[in-house]
Structures are given as structure tokens and as C-alpha cells.
Amino acid sequence: MNTMLRKSVLGIAGRAFTGGVFAGPIAAHADTGPVTAKPAAVAVQADKPDMGKLIPHGVQGAQSKIDLNDEQTANAKAIIAATKKAGLPERAAVISIATSLQESKLENLGHLGDRNDHDSLGLFQQRPSSGWGTPEQITDPKYATLAFEKGLKQVDGWQDMPLTEAAQTVQVSAYPDAYAQWEQQAAHLVAQHWNS
């Protein structure tokens, strides 16, 4: 019985191979409309940033992840676009997105009434009273990102620091280690949207 099963499997495999050999030259002359889309997808894959550059120190601690709605995804894309406009590398976008995930879950928050932390607003929970900008400015994703990254660029060696240390140096949070939990999701967002 094993011999019979083995011969059947080998016979099917042989037919599949032979069919492929004979269909090969014919397929070369066939309409390649749908086939041309697949190599383009592969090329996009190859253009994704290197995860080693996005997370050079490996993630620190347990990682959190949230499902993003369209507005949150648009805010992540706005952070990436502002980072690129500033001429900063992908790692700056990872730090920026992880910071925003911690501060606002990538939601462009207005004043939250009694739940508000002082006068904190926007994606990065920046405060007008601390000199980050006007309420209108810091609730603009592009402006808020550029303001955060201006602070990041002033941190000596930020490119070589663990994410949470770089973010904390800019943000001066009461929870300095909380940024690290978002590094993996931030890196995936940058990898997905950097070249889109």
C-alpha cells in the first residue's frame, strides 16, 4: 500500500512538473496584466525600511499594541510625512510615533476638561504654557511633530539612545519608561508607511 501511495504521489508531482515545463513557454506569450502587479508588490516589500535601523537596540520590556482607526492611521502618516520633510531618518519617526502612542494613542486630543493634564493638547500632549506653541499649532499634526523633533534634534546622541530615553529627554514625562512599550508598533507603522 505504501508503494502504491508513493507511486501516485510521485506520478502527480511528475505531471505537475511536466505541465510547468511545457506551460512555461506558452505562458511567456500570454497576457501578463495580472502578473505584472505581483513583482511591483515584491518591489515595495524590498523598499521597506530595515527593522534593524528602526529598532537598533531591540525592544525594551513588554510591548503594547492597539488597533488603529482611520484617523489614528492618518496621524501616524502625518508624523512620517513631517519627519521626512524635516530630513530626519526613519528612527526619528519611530521615536515620534511611539511618543504619540504613549501620550495620546495617536489621537489629536483637544482640551479634555477635568481629565486634562494641565493645558496639554494634541498628538504629543504638548503644553502652550511650556512654549510648545499655540493651541492651534500644537493640535496641527505637522506642526506638533516638527516641534517634537526640533526638541529631539537638540538631544545629543538621540540616534544612539534607547527610544524611551530619547523620548523622555524631550517630553519630561512623569512616566519616563512608558514610551518603550510602543516601540514595536511604531516601527511596524514606519515600515508600512514610510514609502507609501
C-alpha atoms as a PDB file:
ATOM      1  CA  MET A   1       0.000   0.000   0.000  1.00  0.00           C
ATOM      2  CA  ASN A   2       2.845   2.404   0.798  1.00  0.00           C
ATOM      3  CA  THR A   3       4.421   1.671  -2.575  1.00  0.00           C
ATOM      4  CA  MET A   4       1.153   2.364  -4.355  1.00  0.00           C
ATOM      5  CA  LEU A   5       0.636   5.661  -2.472  1.00  0.00           C
ATOM      6  CA  ARG A   6       4.238   6.685  -3.139  1.00  0.00           C
ATOM      7  CA  LYS A   7       3.896   5.989  -6.873  1.00  0.00           C
ATOM      8  CA  SER A   8       0.668   8.008  -7.008  1.00  0.00           C
ATOM      9  CA  VAL A   9       2.250  10.994  -5.263  1.00  0.00           C
ATOM     10  CA  LEU A  10       5.357  10.841  -7.459  1.00  0.00           C
ATOM     11  CA  GLY A  11       3.193  10.500 -10.557  1.00  0.00           C
ATOM     12  CA  ILE A  12       1.175  13.598  -9.649  1.00  0.00           C
ATOM     13  CA  ALA A  13       4.344  15.552  -8.850  1.00  0.00           C
ATOM     14  CA  GLY A  14       5.868  14.484 -12.167  1.00  0.00           C
ATOM     15  CA  ARG A  15       2.786  15.597 -14.080  1.00  0.00           C
ATOM     16  CA  ALA A  16       2.800  18.946 -12.291  1.00  0.00           C
ATOM     17  CA  PHE A  17       6.477  19.446 -13.155  1.00  0.00           C
ATOM     18  CA  THR A  18       5.998  18.388 -16.763  1.00  0.00           C
ATOM     19  CA  GLY A  19       2.948  20.628 -17.080  1.00  0.00           C
ATOM     20  CA  GLY A  20       5.005  23.519 -15.745  1.00  0.00           C
ATOM     21  CA  VAL A  21       7.841  22.864 -18.190  1.00  0.00           C
ATOM     22  CA  PHE A  22       5.509  22.712 -21.154  1.00  0.00           C
ATOM     23  CA  ALA A  23       3.317  25.583 -19.994  1.00  0.00           C
ATOM     24  CA  GLY A  24       6.341  27.803 -19.369  1.00  0.00           C
ATOM     25  CA  PRO A  25       6.996  28.891 -22.972  1.00  0.00           C
ATOM     26  CA  ILE A  26       3.271  29.274 -23.619  1.00  0.00           C
ATOM     27  CA  ALA A  27       2.863  31.387 -20.502  1.00  0.00           C
ATOM     28  CA  ALA A  28       5.603  33.703 -21.764  1.00  0.00           C
ATOM     29  CA  HIS A  29       3.330  34.735 -24.636  1.00  0.00           C
ATOM     30  CA  ALA A  30       0.212  35.032 -22.511  1.00  0.00           C
ATOM     31  CA  ASP A  31      -1.327  38.297 -21.328  1.00  0.00           C
ATOM     32  CA  THR A  32       0.784  39.357 -18.336  1.00  0.00           C
ATOM     33  CA  GLY A  33      -1.598  42.003 -16.952  1.00  0.00           C
ATOM     34  CA  PRO A  34      -2.287  40.406 -13.573  1.00  0.00           C
ATOM     35  CA  VAL A  35       1.243  39.013 -13.258  1.00  0.00           C
ATOM     36  CA  THR A  36       2.909  42.429 -13.504  1.00  0.00           C
ATOM     37  CA  ALA A  37       1.206  43.563 -10.293  1.00  0.00           C
ATOM     38  CA  LYS A  38       2.937  40.865  -8.225  1.00  0.00           C
ATOM     39  CA  PRO A  39       6.524  41.956  -8.920  1.00  0.00           C
ATOM     40  CA  ALA A  40       5.529  45.530  -8.008  1.00  0.00           C
ATOM     41  CA  ALA A  41       4.316  44.295  -4.610  1.00  0.00           C
ATOM     42  CA  VAL A  42       7.595  42.485  -4.132  1.00  0.00           C
ATOM     43  CA  ALA A  43       9.497  45.677  -5.007  1.00  0.00           C
ATOM     44  CA  VAL A  44       7.515  47.619  -2.399  1.00  0.00           C
ATOM     45  CA  GLN A  45       8.427  44.949   0.155  1.00  0.00           C
ATOM     46  CA  ALA A  46      12.093  45.415  -0.707  1.00  0.00           C
ATOM     47  CA  ASP A  47      11.772  49.204  -0.231  1.00  0.00           C
ATOM     48  CA  LYS A  48      10.593  48.887   3.365  1.00  0.00           C
ATOM     49  CA  PRO A  49      12.984  50.287   5.955  1.00  0.00           C
ATOM     50  CA  ASP A  50      15.267  47.810   7.683  1.00  0.00           C
ATOM     51  CA  MET A  51      13.825  46.810  11.074  1.00  0.00           C
ATOM     52  CA  GLY A  52      17.381  46.811  12.441  1.00  0.00           C
ATOM     53  CA  LYS A  53      17.539  50.550  11.751  1.00  0.00           C
ATOM     54  CA  LEU A  54      14.071  51.145  13.151  1.00  0.00           C
ATOM     55  CA  ILE A  55      14.768  49.261  16.397  1.00  0.00           C
ATOM     56  CA  PRO A  56      18.566  49.322  16.750  1.00  0.00           C
ATOM     57  CA  HIS A  57      18.587  48.329  20.435  1.00  0.00           C
ATOM     58  CA  GLY A  58      15.788  45.765  20.290  1.00  0.00           C
ATOM     59  CA  VAL A  59      12.557  46.452  22.111  1.00  0.00           C
ATOM     60  CA  GLN A  60      12.740  47.087  25.830  1.00  0.00           C
ATOM     61  CA  GLY A  61      10.186  45.377  28.040  1.00  0.00           C
ATOM     62  CA  ALA A  62       6.693  44.174  27.294  1.00  0.00           C
ATOM     63  CA  GLN A  63       5.152  45.695  24.198  1.00  0.00           C
ATOM     64  CA  SER A  64       1.670  47.175  23.885  1.00  0.00           C
ATOM     65  CA  LYS A  65      -0.388  47.328  20.702  1.00  0.00           C
ATOM     66  CA  ILE A  66      -3.672  48.940  19.846  1.00  0.00           C
ATOM     67  CA  ASP A  67      -5.849  48.639  16.769  1.00  0.00           C
ATOM     68  CA  LEU A  68      -5.850  51.944  14.909  1.00  0.00           C
ATOM     69  CA  ASN A  69      -8.819  53.591  13.287  1.00  0.00           C
ATOM     70  CA  ASP A  70      -8.545  55.676  10.101  1.00  0.00           C
ATOM     71  CA  GLU A  71      -7.871  58.919  11.992  1.00  0.00           C
ATOM     72  CA  GLN A  72      -5.064  57.370  14.049  1.00  0.00           C
ATOM     73  CA  THR A  73      -3.508  55.853  10.930  1.00  0.00           C
ATOM     74  CA  ALA A  74      -3.719  59.248   9.189  1.00  0.00           C
ATOM     75  CA  ASN A  75      -1.968  60.816  12.193  1.00  0.00           C
ATOM     76  CA  ALA A  76       0.817  58.217  12.001  1.00  0.00           C
ATOM     77  CA  LYS A  77       1.201  59.009   8.292  1.00  0.00           C
ATOM     78  CA  ALA A  78       1.281  62.747   9.090  1.00  0.00           C
ATOM     79  CA  ILE A  79       4.087  62.151  11.606  1.00  0.00           C
ATOM     80  CA  ILE A  80       6.034  60.195   8.986  1.00  0.00           C
ATOM     81  CA  ALA A  81       5.489  62.918   6.360  1.00  0.00           C
ATOM     82  CA  ALA A  82       6.656  65.648   8.755  1.00  0.00           C
ATOM     83  CA  THR A  83       9.710  63.576   9.702  1.00  0.00           C
ATOM     84  CA  LYS A  84      10.632  63.170   6.054  1.00  0.00           C
ATOM     85  CA  LYS A  85      10.086  66.897   5.446  1.00  0.00           C
ATOM     86  CA  ALA A  86      12.464  67.639   8.318  1.00  0.00           C
ATOM     87  CA  GLY A  87      15.062  65.435   6.620  1.00  0.00           C
ATOM     88  CA  LEU A  88      15.247  63.082   9.581  1.00  0.00           C
ATOM     89  CA  PRO A  89      15.704  59.318   9.313  1.00  0.00           C
ATOM     90  CA  GLU A  90      13.134  56.601   9.920  1.00  0.00           C
ATOM     91  CA  ARG A  91      14.313  56.162  13.525  1.00  0.00           C
ATOM     92  CA  ALA A  92      13.077  59.694  14.323  1.00  0.00           C
ATOM     93  CA  ALA A  93       9.639  58.701  13.028  1.00  0.00           C
ATOM     94  CA  VAL A  94       9.665  55.583  15.239  1.00  0.00           C
ATOM     95  CA  ILE A  95      10.501  57.676  18.314  1.00  0.00           C
ATOM     96  CA  SER A  96       7.862  60.262  17.360  1.00  0.00           C
ATOM     97  CA  ILE A  97       5.100  57.716  16.755  1.00  0.00           C
ATOM     98  CA  ALA A  98       5.919  55.768  19.929  1.00  0.00           C
ATOM     99  CA  THR A  99       5.793  59.040  21.874  1.00  0.00           C
ATOM    100  CA  SER A 100       2.429  59.922  20.370  1.00  0.00           C
ATOM    101  CA  LEU A 101       1.106  56.415  21.060  1.00  0.00           C
ATOM    102  CA  GLN A 102       2.001  56.868  24.720  1.00  0.00           C
ATOM    103  CA  GLU A 103       0.786  60.443  25.029  1.00  0.00           C
ATOM    104  CA  SER A 104      -2.478  60.272  23.068  1.00  0.00           C
ATOM    105  CA  LYS A 105      -2.804  56.852  21.373  1.00  0.00           C
ATOM    106  CA  LEU A 106      -2.255  58.787  18.116  1.00  0.00           C
ATOM    107  CA  GLU A 107      -5.396  60.832  18.720  1.00  0.00           C
ATOM    108  CA  ASN A 108      -5.225  64.579  18.195  1.00  0.00           C
ATOM    109  CA  LEU A 109      -6.694  65.473  21.565  1.00  0.00           C
ATOM    110  CA  GLY A 110      -8.242  68.813  22.362  1.00  0.00           C
ATOM    111  CA  HIS A 111      -8.853  70.042  25.891  1.00  0.00           C
ATOM    112  CA  LEU A 112     -10.276  67.202  27.990  1.00  0.00           C
ATOM    113  CA  GLY A 113     -11.855  69.276  30.744  1.00  0.00           C
ATOM    114  CA  ASP A 114     -11.294  67.839  34.217  1.00  0.00           C
ATOM    115  CA  ARG A 115      -9.375  64.899  32.731  1.00  0.00           C
ATOM    116  CA  ASN A 116      -6.840  67.206  31.075  1.00  0.00           C
ATOM    117  CA  ASP A 117      -3.235  67.207  32.238  1.00  0.00           C
ATOM    118  CA  HIS A 118      -2.828  70.953  32.751  1.00  0.00           C
ATOM    119  CA  ASP A 119      -3.096  72.509  29.277  1.00  0.00           C
ATOM    120  CA  SER A 120      -1.738  69.525  27.304  1.00  0.00           C
ATOM    121  CA  LEU A 121      -3.075  69.182  23.755  1.00  0.00           C
ATOM    122  CA  GLY A 122      -2.597  67.275  20.522  1.00  0.00           C
ATOM    123  CA  LEU A 123      -0.775  64.121  19.475  1.00  0.00           C
ATOM    124  CA  PHE A 124       2.180  64.721  21.787  1.00  0.00           C
ATOM    125  CA  GLN A 125       0.238  66.334  24.660  1.00  0.00           C
ATOM    126  CA  GLN A 126       2.325  69.468  24.327  1.00  0.00           C
ATOM    127  CA  ARG A 127       1.550  72.469  26.512  1.00  0.00           C
ATOM    128  CA  PRO A 128       1.151  76.028  25.247  1.00  0.00           C
ATOM    129  CA  SER A 129       2.206  77.269  28.696  1.00  0.00           C
ATOM    130  CA  SER A 130       5.522  75.408  28.288  1.00  0.00           C
ATOM    131  CA  GLY A 131       6.319  77.104  24.999  1.00  0.00           C
ATOM    132  CA  TRP A 132       5.384  74.346  22.549  1.00  0.00           C
ATOM    133  CA  GLY A 133       3.145  76.700  20.535  1.00  0.00           C
ATOM    134  CA  THR A 134      -0.404  77.983  20.462  1.00  0.00           C
ATOM    135  CA  PRO A 135      -3.310  75.559  20.940  1.00  0.00           C
ATOM    136  CA  GLU A 136      -3.980  75.791  17.186  1.00  0.00           C
ATOM    137  CA  GLN A 137      -0.362  74.985  16.372  1.00  0.00           C
ATOM    138  CA  ILE A 138       0.085  72.020  18.673  1.00  0.00           C
ATOM    139  CA  THR A 139      -3.153  70.433  17.509  1.00  0.00           C
ATOM    140  CA  ASP A 140      -1.816  70.516  13.929  1.00  0.00           C
ATOM    141  CA  PRO A 141      -0.100  67.118  13.456  1.00  0.00           C
ATOM    142  CA  LYS A 142       2.619  68.502  11.171  1.00  0.00           C
ATOM    143  CA  TYR A 143       3.494  71.392  13.490  1.00  0.00           C
ATOM    144  CA  ALA A 144       3.367  69.204  16.607  1.00  0.00           C
ATOM    145  CA  THR A 145       5.660  66.604  15.024  1.00  0.00           C
ATOM    146  CA  LEU A 146       8.166  69.204  13.872  1.00  0.00           C
ATOM    147  CA  ALA A 147       8.132  70.801  17.341  1.00  0.00           C
ATOM    148  CA  PHE A 148       8.753  67.425  18.993  1.00  0.00           C
ATOM    149  CA  GLU A 149      11.514  66.576  16.523  1.00  0.00           C
ATOM    150  CA  LYS A 150      13.119  70.001  16.976  1.00  0.00           C
ATOM    151  CA  GLY A 151      13.465  69.047  20.635  1.00  0.00           C
ATOM    152  CA  LEU A 152      14.714  65.594  19.668  1.00  0.00           C
ATOM    153  CA  LYS A 153      17.451  67.056  17.439  1.00  0.00           C
ATOM    154  CA  GLN A 154      18.712  69.065  20.423  1.00  0.00           C
ATOM    155  CA  VAL A 155      19.353  65.858  22.380  1.00  0.00           C
ATOM    156  CA  ASP A 156      22.988  64.865  21.917  1.00  0.00           C
ATOM    157  CA  GLY A 157      23.224  61.328  20.577  1.00  0.00           C
ATOM    158  CA  TRP A 158      19.469  60.736  20.304  1.00  0.00           C
ATOM    159  CA  GLN A 159      20.095  58.410  17.329  1.00  0.00           C
ATOM    160  CA  ASP A 160      22.058  56.045  19.574  1.00  0.00           C
ATOM    161  CA  MET A 161      19.793  56.167  22.638  1.00  0.00           C
ATOM    162  CA  PRO A 162      17.117  53.685  23.608  1.00  0.00           C
ATOM    163  CA  LEU A 163      13.752  55.040  22.448  1.00  0.00           C
ATOM    164  CA  THR A 164      12.364  55.725  25.909  1.00  0.00           C
ATOM    165  CA  GLU A 165      15.446  57.745  26.903  1.00  0.00           C
ATOM    166  CA  ALA A 166      15.281  59.920  23.775  1.00  0.00           C
ATOM    167  CA  ALA A 167      11.519  60.484  24.115  1.00  0.00           C
ATOM    168  CA  GLN A 168      11.753  61.232  27.829  1.00  0.00           C
ATOM    169  CA  THR A 169      14.520  63.767  27.305  1.00  0.00           C
ATOM    170  CA  VAL A 170      12.175  65.747  25.041  1.00  0.00           C
ATOM    171  CA  GLN A 171       8.873  65.155  26.830  1.00  0.00           C
ATOM    172  CA  VAL A 172       9.931  65.209  30.506  1.00  0.00           C
ATOM    173  CA  SER A 173       7.089  62.877  31.470  1.00  0.00           C
ATOM    174  CA  ALA A 174       6.066  61.724  34.927  1.00  0.00           C
ATOM    175  CA  TYR A 175       6.260  58.200  33.442  1.00  0.00           C
ATOM    176  CA  PRO A 176       9.676  58.142  31.742  1.00  0.00           C
ATOM    177  CA  ASP A 177       9.775  54.422  30.902  1.00  0.00           C
ATOM    178  CA  ALA A 178       6.281  54.243  29.387  1.00  0.00           C
ATOM    179  CA  TYR A 179       7.397  55.135  25.854  1.00  0.00           C
ATOM    180  CA  ALA A 180       9.310  51.872  25.393  1.00  0.00           C
ATOM    181  CA  GLN A 181       6.140  49.759  25.262  1.00  0.00           C
ATOM    182  CA  TRP A 182       5.155  51.272  21.901  1.00  0.00           C
ATOM    183  CA  GLU A 183       8.431  50.766  20.016  1.00  0.00           C
ATOM    184  CA  GLN A 184       7.374  47.620  18.124  1.00  0.00           C
ATOM    185  CA  GLN A 185       4.069  49.058  16.894  1.00  0.00           C
ATOM    186  CA  ALA A 186       5.714  52.367  15.985  1.00  0.00           C
ATOM    187  CA  ALA A 187       8.406  50.543  13.987  1.00  0.00           C
ATOM    188  CA  HIS A 188       5.787  48.497  12.139  1.00  0.00           C
ATOM    189  CA  LEU A 189       3.861  51.668  11.249  1.00  0.00           C
ATOM    190  CA  VAL A 190       7.007  53.322   9.917  1.00  0.00           C
ATOM    191  CA  ALA A 191       7.946  50.197   7.948  1.00  0.00           C
ATOM    192  CA  GLN A 192       4.454  50.047   6.478  1.00  0.00           C
ATOM    193  CA  HIS A 193       4.025  53.728   5.592  1.00  0.00           C
ATOM    194  CA  TRP A 194       7.499  55.257   5.093  1.00  0.00           C
ATOM    195  CA  ASN A 195       7.472  54.680   1.318  1.00  0.00           C
ATOM    196  CA  SER A 196       3.737  54.881   0.713  1.00  0.00           C
END
